[in-house]
């Protein structure tokens, strides 16, 4: 069993920054990639970013490229999402996720992830 706990969400004005954290426990954290997703009411959960097991590879959805940065600290079993230049359209519940197996390329589909955190709300006001 894997437990993922997000933190760092909150309210921020447009143009501001937040850093989300996701603490993992229950298995060898460093062995697998990790991802961040977000969801707004009435819409499907969407991919935001992913990072490989060693941090050497990252992926971002187009709308956050240049503004968000994913990173990880395997010694702390934690993955981060630094969000800068936030926009109102970034408002969502943000989830971290972990797959149950290794993928050759960074997984970006909801169905490729098995373990999910409880989510943290990010609200960006205009």
Foldseek 3Di string as FASTA:
>chain_A
DKAKAKDWADEEAQQAKIKMKIAMDDDQLLQFKKFKWWDDPPDDIFGAKIAGSVRPDMDGDPVQPPFWDWDDDSVRRMIMIIGGSDDQVVWTWMKMFTAPDYDPDTDGDPVRTDDIYPTDTHGYHD
